Amino acid sequence: MSEQTKAALEEAPQNHVSDECDDDPLVTAYILSAATTSFSADDRNTHSYYMECSDNQPAHVTRGLADIQSEWAASNSLFVREDDDE
């Protein structure tokens, strides 16, 4: 991955969360999951999956994000925000 692409990837989660949330929370970790399909003649209809996370992100944090993402996808909940006061 080029340095320019990596820098844009590192900025994107914070920019998105800042746009979506009124209180502008700090993004401390992220995962990006993607599914791909090949359209080349040799690999037609070949599917694969790709995941990227922040450099030096602890494995337990990445696993936790993946687990909660899986739970949200299973429950069709796109965004759940826990209230710290409760």
N, C-alpha and C. Protein backbone atom coordinates (compact mmCIF):
# COMPACT_ATOMS: atom_id res chain seq x y z
N MET A 1 0.86 -1.17 0.00
CA MET A 1 0.00 0.00 0.00
C MET A 1 0.91 1.23 0.00
N SER A 2 0.58 2.19 -0.82
CA SER A 2 1.39 3.40 -0.89
C SER A 2 1.22 4.22 0.40
N GLU A 3 2.17 5.05 0.67
CA GLU A 3 2.09 5.91 1.87
C GLU A 3 0.90 6.86 1.78
N GLN A 4 0.61 7.34 0.57
CA GLN A 4 -0.52 8.25 0.37
C GLN A 4 -1.84 7.53 0.66
N THR A 5 -1.98 6.31 0.17
CA THR A 5 -3.19 5.54 0.42
C THR A 5 -3.33 5.22 1.91
N LYS A 6 -2.24 4.82 2.55
CA LYS A 6 -2.26 4.50 3.98
C LYS A 6 -2.65 5.73 4.80
N ALA A 7 -2.13 6.88 4.45
CA ALA A 7 -2.48 8.11 5.18
C ALA A 7 -3.96 8.42 5.03
N ALA A 8 -4.49 8.26 3.82
CA ALA A 8 -5.92 8.51 3.59
C ALA A 8 -6.77 7.52 4.37
N LEU A 9 -6.34 6.25 4.42
CA LEU A 9 -7.06 5.24 5.17
C LEU A 9 -7.06 5.53 6.66
N GLU A 10 -5.96 6.02 7.17
CA GLU A 10 -5.87 6.36 8.59
C GLU A 10 -6.78 7.55 8.94
N GLU A 11 -6.93 8.49 8.03
CA GLU A 11 -7.76 9.68 8.28
C GLU A 11 -9.25 9.42 8.10
N ALA A 12 -9.61 8.49 7.22
CA ALA A 12 -11.01 8.28 6.86
C ALA A 12 -11.92 7.92 8.03
N PRO A 13 -11.54 6.98 8.92
CA PRO A 13 -12.46 6.67 10.03
C PRO A 13 -12.73 7.87 10.93
N GLN A 14 -11.70 8.65 11.25
CA GLN A 14 -11.90 9.82 12.11
C GLN A 14 -12.77 10.86 11.42
N ASN A 15 -12.53 11.09 10.14
CA ASN A 15 -13.34 12.05 9.41
C ASN A 15 -14.80 11.62 9.36
N HIS A 16 -15.04 10.34 9.13
CA HIS A 16 -16.40 9.84 9.06
C HIS A 16 -17.11 9.95 10.42
N VAL A 17 -16.45 9.52 11.48
CA VAL A 17 -17.05 9.58 12.82
C VAL A 17 -17.31 11.03 13.21
N SER A 18 -16.40 11.91 12.89
CA SER A 18 -16.59 13.33 13.19
C SER A 18 -17.81 13.89 12.47
N ASP A 19 -18.03 13.45 11.24
CA ASP A 19 -19.21 13.88 10.48
C ASP A 19 -20.50 13.34 11.08
N GLU A 20 -20.46 12.14 11.62
CA GLU A 20 -21.67 11.46 12.09
C GLU A 20 -22.04 11.78 13.54
N CYS A 21 -21.08 12.19 14.36
CA CYS A 21 -21.32 12.35 15.80
C CYS A 21 -21.22 13.82 16.21
N ASP A 22 -22.15 14.24 17.05
CA ASP A 22 -22.16 15.62 17.51
C ASP A 22 -21.00 15.96 18.42
N ASP A 23 -20.55 14.99 19.23
CA ASP A 23 -19.52 15.30 20.22
C ASP A 23 -18.10 15.04 19.74
N ASP A 24 -17.92 14.67 18.46
CA ASP A 24 -16.61 14.52 17.83
C ASP A 24 -15.66 13.61 18.62
N PRO A 25 -16.05 12.33 18.85
CA PRO A 25 -15.18 11.42 19.59
C PRO A 25 -13.90 11.09 18.82
N LEU A 26 -12.87 10.70 19.54
CA LEU A 26 -11.58 10.34 18.96
C LEU A 26 -11.59 8.86 18.58
N VAL A 27 -11.29 8.56 17.34
CA VAL A 27 -11.18 7.17 16.88
C VAL A 27 -9.83 6.64 17.33
N THR A 28 -9.84 5.56 18.10
CA THR A 28 -8.60 4.99 18.62
C THR A 28 -8.20 3.70 17.93
N ALA A 29 -9.12 3.09 17.18
CA ALA A 29 -8.83 1.85 16.46
C ALA A 29 -9.89 1.68 15.38
N TYR A 30 -9.56 0.90 14.35
CA TYR A 30 -10.53 0.63 13.30
C TYR A 30 -10.20 -0.67 12.59
N ILE A 31 -11.18 -1.23 11.91
CA ILE A 31 -10.97 -2.30 10.94
C ILE A 31 -11.75 -1.94 9.69
N LEU A 32 -11.21 -2.30 8.57
CA LEU A 32 -11.88 -2.14 7.29
C LEU A 32 -12.01 -3.54 6.71
N SER A 33 -13.22 -3.96 6.43
CA SER A 33 -13.46 -5.27 5.81
C SER A 33 -14.00 -5.04 4.41
N ALA A 34 -13.52 -5.81 3.47
CA ALA A 34 -13.98 -5.68 2.09
C ALA A 34 -14.10 -7.06 1.45
N ALA A 35 -15.10 -7.20 0.61
CA ALA A 35 -15.25 -8.40 -0.20
C ALA A 35 -14.93 -8.02 -1.64
N THR A 36 -14.25 -8.90 -2.33
CA THR A 36 -13.86 -8.61 -3.71
C THR A 36 -14.33 -9.72 -4.65
N THR A 37 -14.52 -9.37 -5.90
CA THR A 37 -14.84 -10.31 -6.96
C THR A 37 -13.91 -10.04 -8.12
N SER A 38 -13.35 -11.09 -8.68
CA SER A 38 -12.46 -10.95 -9.83
C SER A 38 -13.26 -11.09 -11.12
N PHE A 39 -12.95 -10.23 -12.07
CA PHE A 39 -13.61 -10.28 -13.38
C PHE A 39 -12.65 -10.71 -14.49
N SER A 40 -11.44 -11.12 -14.11
CA SER A 40 -10.49 -11.56 -15.14
C SER A 40 -10.94 -12.93 -15.67
N ALA A 41 -10.53 -13.23 -16.89
CA ALA A 41 -10.94 -14.48 -17.53
C ALA A 41 -10.48 -15.70 -16.73
N ASP A 42 -9.29 -15.62 -16.15
CA ASP A 42 -8.74 -16.76 -15.40
C ASP A 42 -9.43 -16.97 -14.05
N ASP A 43 -9.87 -15.89 -13.44
CA ASP A 43 -10.43 -15.97 -12.09
C ASP A 43 -11.90 -15.57 -12.02
N ARG A 44 -12.61 -15.69 -13.11
CA ARG A 44 -14.00 -15.22 -13.17
C ARG A 44 -14.81 -15.73 -11.99
N ASN A 45 -15.50 -14.79 -11.35
CA ASN A 45 -16.37 -15.09 -10.22
C ASN A 45 -15.63 -15.64 -9.00
N THR A 46 -14.35 -15.33 -8.89
CA THR A 46 -13.61 -15.70 -7.69
C THR A 46 -13.82 -14.62 -6.65
N HIS A 47 -14.19 -15.01 -5.46
CA HIS A 47 -14.45 -14.06 -4.38
C HIS A 47 -13.37 -14.20 -3.32
N SER A 48 -13.02 -13.09 -2.72
CA SER A 48 -12.07 -13.12 -1.61
C SER A 48 -12.42 -11.99 -0.64
N TYR A 49 -11.77 -12.00 0.49
CA TYR A 49 -12.04 -11.02 1.53
C TYR A 49 -10.74 -10.38 1.96
N TYR A 50 -10.86 -9.13 2.38
CA TYR A 50 -9.68 -8.35 2.75
C TYR A 50 -9.98 -7.58 4.01
N MET A 51 -9.01 -7.49 4.90
CA MET A 51 -9.17 -6.71 6.11
C MET A 51 -7.91 -5.87 6.34
N GLU A 52 -8.11 -4.65 6.75
CA GLU A 52 -7.01 -3.74 7.08
C GLU A 52 -7.32 -3.14 8.44
N CYS A 53 -6.29 -2.90 9.22
CA CYS A 53 -6.48 -2.23 10.50
C CYS A 53 -5.32 -1.26 10.72
N SER A 54 -5.48 -0.45 11.74
CA SER A 54 -4.47 0.55 12.06
C SER A 54 -3.13 -0.11 12.40
N ASP A 55 -2.04 0.51 12.00
CA ASP A 55 -0.71 0.01 12.36
C ASP A 55 -0.58 -0.06 13.88
N ASN A 56 0.05 -1.11 14.36
CA ASN A 56 0.32 -1.31 15.79
C ASN A 56 -0.95 -1.42 16.63
N GLN A 57 -2.07 -1.72 16.01
CA GLN A 57 -3.31 -1.92 16.76
C GLN A 57 -3.21 -3.28 17.45
N PRO A 58 -3.46 -3.34 18.76
CA PRO A 58 -3.37 -4.62 19.46
C PRO A 58 -4.35 -5.65 18.89
N ALA A 59 -3.93 -6.90 18.85
CA ALA A 59 -4.75 -7.97 18.29
C ALA A 59 -6.08 -8.10 19.03
N HIS A 60 -6.08 -7.91 20.35
CA HIS A 60 -7.34 -8.06 21.09
C HIS A 60 -8.33 -6.96 20.73
N VAL A 61 -7.84 -5.78 20.37
CA VAL A 61 -8.73 -4.69 19.94
C VAL A 61 -9.31 -5.01 18.57
N THR A 62 -8.47 -5.48 17.66
CA THR A 62 -8.94 -5.86 16.33
C THR A 62 -9.98 -6.97 16.44
N ARG A 63 -9.73 -7.96 17.27
CA ARG A 63 -10.68 -9.06 17.46
C ARG A 63 -11.99 -8.54 18.06
N GLY A 64 -11.91 -7.65 19.02
CA GLY A 64 -13.12 -7.09 19.62
C GLY A 64 -13.95 -6.31 18.60
N LEU A 65 -13.29 -5.52 17.77
CA LEU A 65 -14.00 -4.77 16.72
C LEU A 65 -14.65 -5.73 15.72
N ALA A 66 -13.95 -6.78 15.35
CA ALA A 66 -14.51 -7.76 14.42
C ALA A 66 -15.71 -8.47 15.04
N ASP A 67 -15.62 -8.80 16.32
CA ASP A 67 -16.74 -9.46 17.00
C ASP A 67 -17.97 -8.56 17.05
N ILE A 68 -17.80 -7.31 17.44
CA ILE A 68 -18.95 -6.42 17.54
C ILE A 68 -19.51 -6.12 16.16
N GLN A 69 -18.65 -6.02 15.15
CA GLN A 69 -19.13 -5.81 13.78
C GLN A 69 -19.99 -6.99 13.35
N SER A 70 -19.56 -8.19 13.68
CA SER A 70 -20.32 -9.38 13.34
C SER A 70 -21.67 -9.40 14.04
N GLU A 71 -21.70 -9.02 15.32
CA GLU A 71 -22.96 -8.96 16.07
C GLU A 71 -23.91 -7.93 15.46
N TRP A 72 -23.38 -6.75 15.13
CA TRP A 72 -24.22 -5.70 14.54
C TRP A 72 -24.78 -6.14 13.20
N ALA A 73 -23.95 -6.78 12.39
CA ALA A 73 -24.42 -7.25 11.08
C ALA A 73 -25.51 -8.30 11.25
N ALA A 74 -25.35 -9.18 12.22
CA ALA A 74 -26.34 -10.23 12.45
C ALA A 74 -27.67 -9.66 12.94
N SER A 75 -27.61 -8.54 13.66
CA SER A 75 -28.84 -7.95 14.20
C SER A 75 -29.38 -6.83 13.31
N ASN A 76 -28.73 -6.60 12.17
CA ASN A 76 -29.12 -5.53 11.25
C ASN A 76 -29.05 -4.16 11.88
N SER A 77 -28.23 -3.98 12.89
CA SER A 77 -28.05 -2.69 13.54
C SER A 77 -26.80 -2.04 12.98
N LEU A 78 -26.96 -0.94 12.27
CA LEU A 78 -25.82 -0.29 11.63
C LEU A 78 -24.98 0.52 12.60
N PHE A 79 -25.61 1.06 13.64
CA PHE A 79 -24.84 1.89 14.57
C PHE A 79 -25.48 1.80 15.94
N VAL A 80 -24.73 1.33 16.89
CA VAL A 80 -25.18 1.26 18.27
C VAL A 80 -24.20 2.05 19.11
N ARG A 81 -24.73 2.95 19.90
CA ARG A 81 -23.87 3.78 20.72
C ARG A 81 -24.28 3.60 22.18
N GLU A 82 -23.35 3.10 22.98
CA GLU A 82 -23.63 2.90 24.39
C GLU A 82 -23.45 4.22 25.13
N ASP A 83 -24.34 4.49 26.05
CA ASP A 83 -24.28 5.70 26.84
C ASP A 83 -23.41 5.46 28.08
N ASP A 84 -22.37 6.26 28.27
CA ASP A 84 -21.44 6.07 29.39
C ASP A 84 -22.11 6.36 30.73
N ASP A 85 -23.20 7.10 30.73
CA ASP A 85 -23.85 7.49 32.00
C ASP A 85 -24.73 6.40 32.57
N GLU A 86 -25.05 5.40 31.81
CA GLU A 86 -25.95 4.34 32.28
C GLU A 86 -25.21 3.18 32.86
